[in-house]
PDB file of N, CA and C in Angstrom:
ATOM      1  N   UNK A   1     -92.652 159.672   4.476  1.00  0.00           N
ATOM      2  CA  UNK A   1     -93.927 159.848   3.814  1.00  0.00           C
ATOM      3  C   UNK A   1     -94.980 160.190   4.855  1.00  0.00           C
ATOM      4  N   UNK A   2     -95.826 161.098   4.502  1.00  0.00           N
ATOM      5  CA  UNK A   2     -96.853 161.500   5.451  1.00  0.00           C
ATOM      6  C   UNK A   2     -98.031 160.531   5.400  1.00  0.00           C
ATOM      7  N   UNK A   3     -98.667 160.388   6.537  1.00  0.00           N
ATOM      8  CA  UNK A   3     -99.814 159.501   6.647  1.00  0.00           C
ATOM      9  C   UNK A   3    -101.099 160.278   6.403  1.00  0.00           C
ATOM     10  N   UNK A   4    -102.066 159.591   5.848  1.00  0.00           N
ATOM     11  CA  UNK A   4    -103.397 160.147   5.689  1.00  0.00           C
ATOM     12  C   UNK A   4    -104.247 159.618   6.836  1.00  0.00           C
ATOM     13  N   UNK A   5    -104.810 160.536   7.608  1.00  0.00           N
ATOM     14  CA  UNK A   5    -105.645 160.149   8.745  1.00  0.00           C
ATOM     15  C   UNK A   5    -107.052 159.862   8.240  1.00  0.00           C
ATOM     16  N   UNK A   6    -107.565 158.715   8.632  1.00  0.00           N
ATOM     17  CA  UNK A   6    -108.913 158.309   8.258  1.00  0.00           C
ATOM     18  C   UNK A   6    -109.665 157.970   9.536  1.00  0.00           C
ATOM     19  N   UNK A   7    -110.700 158.753   9.819  1.00  0.00           N
ATOM     20  CA  UNK A   7    -111.552 158.520  10.981  1.00  0.00           C
ATOM     21  C   UNK A   7    -112.846 157.883  10.487  1.00  0.00           C
ATOM     22  N   UNK A   8    -113.261 156.841  11.173  1.00  0.00           N
ATOM     23  CA  UNK A   8    -114.519 156.205  10.797  1.00  0.00           C
ATOM     24  C   UNK A   8    -115.224 155.666  12.024  1.00  0.00           C
ATOM     25  N   UNK A   9    -116.473 155.380  11.850  1.00  0.00           N
ATOM     26  CA  UNK A   9    -117.267 154.766  12.900  1.00  0.00           C
ATOM     27  C   UNK A   9    -117.677 153.392  12.409  1.00  0.00           C
ATOM     28  N   UNK A  10    -117.389 152.378  13.216  1.00  0.00           N
ATOM     29  CA  UNK A  10    -117.737 151.005  12.876  1.00  0.00           C
ATOM     30  C   UNK A  10    -118.590 150.452  14.009  1.00  0.00           C
ATOM     31  N   UNK A  11    -119.823 150.118  13.716  1.00  0.00           N
ATOM     32  CA  UNK A  11    -120.757 149.624  14.740  1.00  0.00           C
ATOM     33  C   UNK A  11    -120.816 150.553  15.949  1.00  0.00           C
ATOM     34  N   UNK A  12    -120.792 151.841  15.697  1.00  0.00           N
ATOM     35  CA  UNK A  12    -120.885 152.819  16.770  1.00  0.00           C
ATOM     36  C   UNK A  12    -119.582 153.092  17.492  1.00  0.00           C
ATOM     37  N   UNK A  13    -118.489 152.490  17.034  1.00  0.00           N
ATOM     38  CA  UNK A  13    -117.179 152.655  17.667  1.00  0.00           C
ATOM     39  C   UNK A  13    -116.303 153.524  16.770  1.00  0.00           C
ATOM     40  N   UNK A  14    -115.722 154.582  17.338  1.00  0.00           N
ATOM     41  CA  UNK A  14    -114.811 155.454  16.585  1.00  0.00           C
ATOM     42  C   UNK A  14    -113.450 154.760  16.441  1.00  0.00           C
ATOM     43  N   UNK A  15    -112.944 154.708  15.221  1.00  0.00           N
ATOM     44  CA  UNK A  15    -111.642 154.097  14.942  1.00  0.00           C
ATOM     45  C   UNK A  15    -110.889 155.027  14.006  1.00  0.00           C
ATOM     46  N   UNK A  16    -109.601 155.221  14.285  1.00  0.00           N
ATOM     47  CA  UNK A  16    -108.757 156.089  13.459  1.00  0.00           C
ATOM     48  C   UNK A  16    -107.618 155.282  12.869  1.00  0.00           C
ATOM     49  N   UNK A  17    -107.344 155.526  11.597  1.00  0.00           N
ATOM     50  CA  UNK A  17    -106.238 154.875  10.896  1.00  0.00           C
ATOM     51  C   UNK A  17    -105.320 155.950  10.331  1.00  0.00           C
ATOM     52  N   UNK A  18    -104.049 155.635  10.241  1.00  0.00           N
ATOM     53  CA  UNK A  18    -103.044 156.503   9.637  1.00  0.00           C
ATOM     54  C   UNK A  18    -102.380 155.712   8.514  1.00  0.00           C
ATOM     55  N   UNK A  19    -102.832 155.951   7.296  1.00  0.00           N
ATOM     56  CA  UNK A  19    -102.404 155.152   6.152  1.00  0.00           C
ATOM     57  C   UNK A  19    -101.305 155.875   5.389  1.00  0.00           C
ATOM     58  N   UNK A  20    -100.233 155.148   5.115  1.00  0.00           N
ATOM     59  CA  UNK A  20     -99.127 155.668   4.317  1.00  0.00           C
ATOM     60  C   UNK A  20     -99.081 154.924   2.982  1.00  0.00           C
ATOM     61  N   UNK A  21     -98.409 155.488   2.000  1.00  0.00           N
ATOM     62  CA  UNK A  21     -98.249 154.761   0.740  1.00  0.00           C
ATOM     63  C   UNK A  21     -97.575 153.402   0.950  1.00  0.00           C
ATOM     64  N   UNK A  22     -96.593 153.318   1.835  1.00  0.00           N
ATOM     65  CA  UNK A  22     -95.933 152.033   2.098  1.00  0.00           C
ATOM     66  C   UNK A  22     -96.897 151.010   2.673  1.00  0.00           C
ATOM     67  N   UNK A  23     -97.757 151.432   3.592  1.00  0.00           N
ATOM     68  CA  UNK A  23     -98.733 150.507   4.186  1.00  0.00           C
ATOM     69  C   UNK A  23     -99.723 150.034   3.124  1.00  0.00           C
ATOM     70  N   UNK A  24    -100.177 150.951   2.287  1.00  0.00           N
ATOM     71  CA  UNK A  24    -101.105 150.587   1.212  1.00  0.00           C
ATOM     72  C   UNK A  24    -100.436 149.618   0.240  1.00  0.00           C
ATOM     73  N   UNK A  25     -99.226 149.951  -0.204  1.00  0.00           N
ATOM     74  CA  UNK A  25     -98.520 149.084  -1.147  1.00  0.00           C
ATOM     75  C   UNK A  25     -98.233 147.711  -0.541  1.00  0.00           C
ATOM     76  N   UNK A  26     -97.895 147.670   0.731  1.00  0.00           N
ATOM     77  CA  UNK A  26     -97.663 146.387   1.402  1.00  0.00           C
ATOM     78  C   UNK A  26     -98.916 145.535   1.401  1.00  0.00           C
ATOM     79  N   UNK A  27    -100.065 146.163   1.655  1.00  0.00           N
ATOM     80  CA  UNK A  27    -101.337 145.442   1.634  1.00  0.00           C
ATOM     81  C   UNK A  27    -101.591 144.851   0.251  1.00  0.00           C
ATOM     82  N   UNK A  28    -101.443 145.645  -0.780  1.00  0.00           N
ATOM     83  CA  UNK A  28    -101.683 145.172  -2.140  1.00  0.00           C
ATOM     84  C   UNK A  28    -100.718 144.040  -2.485  1.00  0.00           C
ATOM     85  N   UNK A  29     -99.456 144.169  -2.113  1.00  0.00           N
ATOM     86  CA  UNK A  29     -98.467 143.141  -2.418  1.00  0.00           C
ATOM     87  C   UNK A  29     -98.724 141.832  -1.683  1.00  0.00           C
ATOM     88  N   UNK A  30     -99.348 141.894  -0.495  1.00  0.00           N
ATOM     89  CA  UNK A  30     -99.630 140.682   0.277  1.00  0.00           C
ATOM     90  C   UNK A  30    -100.861 139.937  -0.213  1.00  0.00           C
ATOM     91  N   UNK A  31    -101.732 140.605  -0.943  1.00  0.00           N
ATOM     92  CA  UNK A  31    -102.982 139.976  -1.391  1.00  0.00           C
ATOM     93  C   UNK A  31    -102.680 138.836  -2.359  1.00  0.00           C
ATOM     94  N   UNK A  32    -103.331 137.723  -2.127  1.00  0.00           N
ATOM     95  CA  UNK A  32    -103.213 136.547  -2.985  1.00  0.00           C
ATOM     96  C   UNK A  32    -104.630 136.064  -3.298  1.00  0.00           C
ATOM     97  N   UNK A  33    -104.804 135.345  -4.382  1.00  0.00           N
ATOM     98  CA  UNK A  33    -106.156 134.864  -4.707  1.00  0.00           C
ATOM     99  C   UNK A  33    -106.793 134.034  -3.590  1.00  0.00           C
ATOM    100  N   UNK A  34    -105.986 133.325  -2.837  1.00  0.00           N
ATOM    101  CA  UNK A  34    -106.529 132.462  -1.776  1.00  0.00           C
ATOM    102  C   UNK A  34    -106.285 133.014  -0.382  1.00  0.00           C
ATOM    103  N   UNK A  35    -105.751 134.227  -0.261  1.00  0.00           N
ATOM    104  CA  UNK A  35    -105.458 134.780   1.059  1.00  0.00           C
ATOM    105  C   UNK A  35    -105.753 136.270   1.072  1.00  0.00           C
ATOM    106  N   UNK A  36    -106.916 136.621   1.627  1.00  0.00           N
ATOM    107  CA  UNK A  36    -107.297 138.031   1.700  1.00  0.00           C
ATOM    108  C   UNK A  36    -107.517 138.482   3.142  1.00  0.00           C
ATOM    109  N   UNK A  37    -107.885 137.550   4.014  1.00  0.00           N
ATOM    110  CA  UNK A  37    -108.198 137.902   5.393  1.00  0.00           C
ATOM    111  C   UNK A  37    -106.952 138.353   6.146  1.00  0.00           C
ATOM    112  N   UNK A  38    -105.874 137.593   6.076  1.00  0.00           N
ATOM    113  CA  UNK A  38    -104.645 137.946   6.801  1.00  0.00           C
ATOM    114  C   UNK A  38    -104.070 139.278   6.333  1.00  0.00           C
ATOM    115  N   UNK A  39    -103.961 139.537   5.019  1.00  0.00           N
ATOM    116  CA  UNK A  39    -103.452 140.843   4.598  1.00  0.00           C
ATOM    117  C   UNK A  39    -104.327 142.000   5.076  1.00  0.00           C
ATOM    118  N   UNK A  40    -105.646 141.826   5.065  1.00  0.00           N
ATOM    119  CA  UNK A  40    -106.545 142.889   5.539  1.00  0.00           C
ATOM    120  C   UNK A  40    -106.320 143.135   7.026  1.00  0.00           C
ATOM    121  N   UNK A  41    -106.248 142.063   7.803  1.00  0.00           N
ATOM    122  CA  UNK A  41    -106.008 142.175   9.254  1.00  0.00           C
ATOM    123  C   UNK A  41    -104.677 142.873   9.516  1.00  0.00           C
ATOM    124  N   UNK A  42    -103.627 142.439   8.830  1.00  0.00           N
ATOM    125  CA  UNK A  42    -102.298 143.024   9.025  1.00  0.00           C
ATOM    126  C   UNK A  42    -102.273 144.501   8.645  1.00  0.00           C
ATOM    127  N   UNK A  43    -102.914 144.847   7.546  1.00  0.00           N
ATOM    128  CA  UNK A  43    -102.977 146.238   7.101  1.00  0.00           C
ATOM    129  C   UNK A  43    -103.646 147.104   8.155  1.00  0.00           C
ATOM    130  N   UNK A  44    -104.772 146.635   8.663  1.00  0.00           N
ATOM    131  CA  UNK A  44    -105.501 147.410   9.673  1.00  0.00           C
ATOM    132  C   UNK A  44    -104.682 147.571  10.945  1.00  0.00           C
ATOM    133  N   UNK A  45    -104.044 146.513  11.398  1.00  0.00           N
ATOM    134  CA  UNK A  45    -103.262 146.594  12.627  1.00  0.00           C
ATOM    135  C   UNK A  45    -102.022 147.473  12.446  1.00  0.00           C
ATOM    136  N   UNK A  46    -101.474 147.520  11.230  1.00  0.00           N
ATOM    137  CA  UNK A  46    -100.310 148.379  10.968  1.00  0.00           C
ATOM    138  C   UNK A  46    -100.690 149.844  10.911  1.00  0.00           C
ATOM    139  N   UNK A  47    -101.934 150.136  10.525  1.00  0.00           N
ATOM    140  CA  UNK A  47    -102.309 151.525  10.290  1.00  0.00           C
ATOM    141  C   UNK A  47    -103.210 152.118  11.368  1.00  0.00           C
ATOM    142  N   UNK A  48    -103.732 151.298  12.275  1.00  0.00           N
ATOM    143  CA  UNK A  48    -104.645 151.821  13.294  1.00  0.00           C
ATOM    144  C   UNK A  48    -103.885 152.730  14.259  1.00  0.00           C
ATOM    145  N   UNK A  49    -104.531 153.816  14.653  1.00  0.00           N
ATOM    146  CA  UNK A  49    -103.940 154.721  15.642  1.00  0.00           C
ATOM    147  C   UNK A  49    -103.894 153.998  16.981  1.00  0.00           C
ATOM    148  N   UNK A  50    -102.872 154.286  17.755  1.00  0.00           N
ATOM    149  CA  UNK A  50    -102.675 153.574  19.023  1.00  0.00           C
ATOM    150  C   UNK A  50    -103.894 153.680  19.933  1.00  0.00           C
ATOM    151  N   UNK A  51    -104.571 154.818  19.935  1.00  0.00           N
ATOM    152  CA  UNK A  51    -105.732 154.974  20.807  1.00  0.00           C
ATOM    153  C   UNK A  51    -106.939 154.160  20.320  1.00  0.00           C
ATOM    154  N   UNK A  52    -106.899 153.649  19.097  1.00  0.00           N
ATOM    155  CA  UNK A  52    -108.000 152.854  18.545  1.00  0.00           C
ATOM    156  C   UNK A  52    -107.688 151.363  18.490  1.00  0.00           C
ATOM    157  N   UNK A  53    -106.483 150.988  18.871  1.00  0.00           N
ATOM    158  CA  UNK A  53    -106.037 149.594  18.721  1.00  0.00           C
ATOM    159  C   UNK A  53    -106.957 148.598  19.432  1.00  0.00           C
ATOM    160  N   UNK A  54    -107.292 148.839  20.689  1.00  0.00           N
ATOM    161  CA  UNK A  54    -108.122 147.893  21.436  1.00  0.00           C
ATOM    162  C   UNK A  54    -109.516 147.772  20.824  1.00  0.00           C
ATOM    163  N   UNK A  55    -110.082 148.893  20.405  1.00  0.00           N
ATOM    164  CA  UNK A  55    -111.406 148.872  19.780  1.00  0.00           C
ATOM    165  C   UNK A  55    -111.369 148.076  18.476  1.00  0.00           C
ATOM    166  N   UNK A  56    -110.306 148.271  17.691  1.00  0.00           N
ATOM    167  CA  UNK A  56    -110.186 147.539  16.433  1.00  0.00           C
ATOM    168  C   UNK A  56    -110.056 146.045  16.695  1.00  0.00           C
ATOM    169  N   UNK A  57    -109.269 145.661  17.676  1.00  0.00           N
ATOM    170  CA  UNK A  57    -109.117 144.235  17.987  1.00  0.00           C
ATOM    171  C   UNK A  57    -110.469 143.583  18.268  1.00  0.00           C
ATOM    172  N   UNK A  58    -111.320 144.276  19.011  1.00  0.00           N
ATOM    173  CA  UNK A  58    -112.659 143.740  19.296  1.00  0.00           C
ATOM    174  C   UNK A  58    -113.487 143.639  18.018  1.00  0.00           C
ATOM    175  N   UNK A  59    -113.422 144.662  17.174  1.00  0.00           N
ATOM    176  CA  UNK A  59    -114.177 144.644  15.922  1.00  0.00           C
ATOM    177  C   UNK A  59    -113.712 143.527  15.004  1.00  0.00           C
ATOM    178  N   UNK A  60    -112.415 143.234  15.007  1.00  0.00           N
ATOM    179  CA  UNK A  60    -111.876 142.201  14.128  1.00  0.00           C
ATOM    180  C   UNK A  60    -112.302 140.800  14.533  1.00  0.00           C
ATOM    181  N   UNK A  61    -112.900 140.664  15.695  1.00  0.00           N
ATOM    182  CA  UNK A  61    -113.430 139.364  16.115  1.00  0.00           C
ATOM    183  C   UNK A  61    -114.745 139.042  15.417  1.00  0.00           C
ATOM    184  N   UNK A  62    -115.392 140.044  14.841  1.00  0.00           N
ATOM    185  CA  UNK A  62    -116.638 139.829  14.103  1.00  0.00           C
ATOM    186  C   UNK A  62    -116.317 139.200  12.743  1.00  0.00           C
ATOM    187  N   UNK A  63    -117.042 138.153  12.347  1.00  0.00           N
ATOM    188  CA  UNK A  63    -116.774 137.508  11.059  1.00  0.00           C
ATOM    189  C   UNK A  63    -116.875 138.499   9.898  1.00  0.00           C
ATOM    190  N   UNK A  64    -115.853 138.540   9.082  1.00  0.00           N
ATOM    191  CA  UNK A  64    -115.832 139.389   7.893  1.00  0.00           C
ATOM    192  C   UNK A  64    -115.530 140.855   8.131  1.00  0.00           C
ATOM    193  N   UNK A  65    -115.441 141.263   9.394  1.00  0.00           N
ATOM    194  CA  UNK A  65    -115.235 142.687   9.680  1.00  0.00           C
ATOM    195  C   UNK A  65    -113.909 143.199   9.130  1.00  0.00           C
ATOM    196  N   UNK A  66    -112.869 142.401   9.205  1.00  0.00           N
ATOM    197  CA  UNK A  66    -111.555 142.844   8.729  1.00  0.00           C
ATOM    198  C   UNK A  66    -111.584 143.254   7.272  1.00  0.00           C
ATOM    199  N   UNK A  67    -112.191 142.429   6.437  1.00  0.00           N
ATOM    200  CA  UNK A  67    -112.268 142.758   5.006  1.00  0.00           C
ATOM    201  C   UNK A  67    -113.136 143.987   4.775  1.00  0.00           C
ATOM    202  N   UNK A  68    -114.252 144.066   5.487  1.00  0.00           N
ATOM    203  CA  UNK A  68    -115.141 145.213   5.311  1.00  0.00           C
ATOM    204  C   UNK A  68    -114.466 146.520   5.737  1.00  0.00           C
ATOM    205  N   UNK A  69    -113.790 146.487   6.878  1.00  0.00           N
ATOM    206  CA  UNK A  69    -113.127 147.701   7.375  1.00  0.00           C
ATOM    207  C   UNK A  69    -111.970 148.083   6.452  1.00  0.00           C
ATOM    208  N   UNK A  70    -111.166 147.100   6.054  1.00  0.00           N
ATOM    209  CA  UNK A  70    -110.035 147.381   5.162  1.00  0.00           C
ATOM    210  C   UNK A  70    -110.530 147.976   3.848  1.00  0.00           C
ATOM    211  N   UNK A  71    -111.621 147.437   3.328  1.00  0.00           N
ATOM    212  CA  UNK A  71    -112.189 147.973   2.082  1.00  0.00           C
ATOM    213  C   UNK A  71    -112.598 149.428   2.254  1.00  0.00           C
ATOM    214  N   UNK A  72    -113.232 149.743   3.370  1.00  0.00           N
ATOM    215  CA  UNK A  72    -113.657 151.126   3.621  1.00  0.00           C
ATOM    216  C   UNK A  72    -112.458 152.055   3.759  1.00  0.00           C
ATOM    217  N   UNK A  73    -111.414 151.609   4.439  1.00  0.00           N
ATOM    218  CA  UNK A  73    -110.212 152.433   4.612  1.00  0.00           C
ATOM    219  C   UNK A  73    -109.556 152.676   3.251  1.00  0.00           C
ATOM    220  N   UNK A  74    -109.407 151.620   2.459  1.00  0.00           N
ATOM    221  CA  UNK A  74    -108.774 151.740   1.134  1.00  0.00           C
ATOM    222  C   UNK A  74    -109.589 152.669   0.240  1.00  0.00           C
ATOM    223  N   UNK A  75    -110.913 152.518   0.247  1.00  0.00           N
ATOM    224  CA  UNK A  75    -111.757 153.375  -0.598  1.00  0.00           C
ATOM    225  C   UNK A  75    -111.616 154.844  -0.225  1.00  0.00           C
ATOM    226  N   UNK A  76    -111.455 155.111   1.069  1.00  0.00           N
ATOM    227  CA  UNK A  76    -111.278 156.492   1.500  1.00  0.00           C
ATOM    228  C   UNK A  76    -109.878 157.005   1.189  1.00  0.00           C
ATOM    229  N   UNK A  77    -108.888 156.133   1.257  1.00  0.00           N
ATOM    230  CA  UNK A  77    -107.489 156.527   1.067  1.00  0.00           C
ATOM    231  C   UNK A  77    -107.142 156.736  -0.401  1.00  0.00           C
ATOM    232  N   UNK A  78    -107.547 155.825  -1.239  1.00  0.00           N
ATOM    233  CA  UNK A  78    -107.113 155.818  -2.633  1.00  0.00           C
ATOM    234  C   UNK A  78    -107.893 156.841  -3.447  1.00  0.00           C
ATOM    235  N   UNK A  79    -107.193 157.723  -4.137  1.00  0.00           N
ATOM    236  CA  UNK A  79    -107.897 158.719  -4.960  1.00  0.00           C
ATOM    237  C   UNK A  79    -108.533 158.055  -6.182  1.00  0.00           C
ATOM    238  N   UNK A  80    -109.575 158.673  -6.668  1.00  0.00           N
ATOM    239  CA  UNK A  80    -110.199 158.195  -7.899  1.00  0.00           C
ATOM    240  C   UNK A  80    -109.256 158.470  -9.061  1.00  0.00           C
ATOM    241  N   UNK A  81    -109.124 157.506  -9.933  1.00  0.00           N
ATOM    242  CA  UNK A  81    -108.265 157.644 -11.107  1.00  0.00           C
ATOM    243  C   UNK A  81    -109.131 157.386 -12.334  1.00  0.00           C
ATOM    244  N   UNK A  82    -109.180 158.341 -13.221  1.00  0.00           N
ATOM    245  CA  UNK A  82    -109.939 158.183 -14.457  1.00  0.00           C
ATOM    246  C   UNK A  82    -108.991 157.725 -15.552  1.00  0.00           C
ATOM    247  N   UNK A  83    -109.301 156.590 -16.127  1.00  0.00           N
ATOM    248  CA  UNK A  83    -108.455 156.026 -17.178  1.00  0.00           C
ATOM    249  C   UNK A  83    -109.305 155.835 -18.424  1.00  0.00           C
ATOM    250  N   UNK A  84    -108.802 156.338 -19.533  1.00  0.00           N
ATOM    251  CA  UNK A  84    -109.487 156.187 -20.800  1.00  0.00           C
ATOM    252  C   UNK A  84    -108.509 155.542 -21.772  1.00  0.00           C
ATOM    253  N   UNK A  85    -108.883 154.388 -22.266  1.00  0.00           N
ATOM    254  CA  UNK A  85    -108.013 153.676 -23.198  1.00  0.00           C
ATOM    255  C   UNK A  85    -108.605 153.816 -24.590  1.00  0.00           C
ATOM    256  N   UNK A  86    -107.806 154.345 -25.489  1.00  0.00           N
ATOM    257  CA  UNK A  86    -108.259 154.501 -26.859  1.00  0.00           C
ATOM    258  C   UNK A  86    -107.904 153.285 -27.678  1.00  0.00           C
ATOM    259  N   UNK A  87    -108.487 153.231 -28.863  1.00  0.00           N
ATOM    260  CA  UNK A  87    -108.164 152.118 -29.753  1.00  0.00           C
ATOM    261  C   UNK A  87    -106.742 152.264 -30.247  1.00  0.00           C
ATOM    262  N   UNK A  88    -106.090 151.129 -30.331  1.00  0.00           N
ATOM    263  CA  UNK A  88    -104.720 151.102 -30.821  1.00  0.00           C
ATOM    264  C   UNK A  88    -104.728 151.261 -32.343  1.00  0.00           C
ATOM    265  N   UNK A  89    -103.816 152.079 -32.805  1.00  0.00           N
ATOM    266  CA  UNK A  89    -103.692 152.278 -34.241  1.00  0.00           C
ATOM    267  C   UNK A  89    -102.856 151.139 -34.809  1.00  0.00           C
ATOM    268  N   UNK A  90    -103.304 150.550 -35.879  1.00  0.00           N
ATOM    269  CA  UNK A  90    -102.537 149.432 -36.453  1.00  0.00           C
ATOM    270  C   UNK A  90    -101.160 149.899 -36.909  1.00  0.00           C
ATOM    271  N   UNK A  91    -100.182 149.064 -36.647  1.00  0.00           N
ATOM    272  CA  UNK A  91     -98.833 149.361 -37.135  1.00  0.00           C
ATOM    273  C   UNK A  91     -98.627 148.660 -38.465  1.00  0.00           C
ATOM    274  N   UNK A  92     -97.506 148.909 -39.077  1.00  0.00           N
ATOM    275  CA  UNK A  92     -97.220 148.328 -40.397  1.00  0.00           C
ATOM    276  C   UNK A  92     -97.196 146.801 -40.330  1.00  0.00           C
ATOM    277  N   UNK A  93     -96.864 146.240 -39.177  1.00  0.00           N
ATOM    278  CA  UNK A  93     -96.753 144.778 -39.058  1.00  0.00           C
ATOM    279  C   UNK A  93     -98.068 144.086 -38.737  1.00  0.00           C
ATOM    280  N   UNK A  94     -99.155 144.840 -38.524  1.00  0.00           N
ATOM    281  CA  UNK A  94    -100.451 144.209 -38.164  1.00  0.00           C
ATOM    282  C   UNK A  94    -101.226 143.781 -39.349  1.00  0.00           C
TER     283      UNK A  94
END
């Protein structure tokens, strides 16, 4: 699977990520109602370009940065999906 390159600037620092469908799906599967920080950190470390790894590690020391950065990466990676749900037609048993 090909990776989608995402370049961003965080606090004036250039960081590059290479996100694949497997990395995205792994992140979503790891998310739990009581555990969001570790999956975000793991996702970022799995997808960061090698030349950006040290910069990302420093950024992840800032409180809440992991969730904020992961959210920005996901928003850029995931395409917009328009969903329209119509009313269900009653069946004979309703």
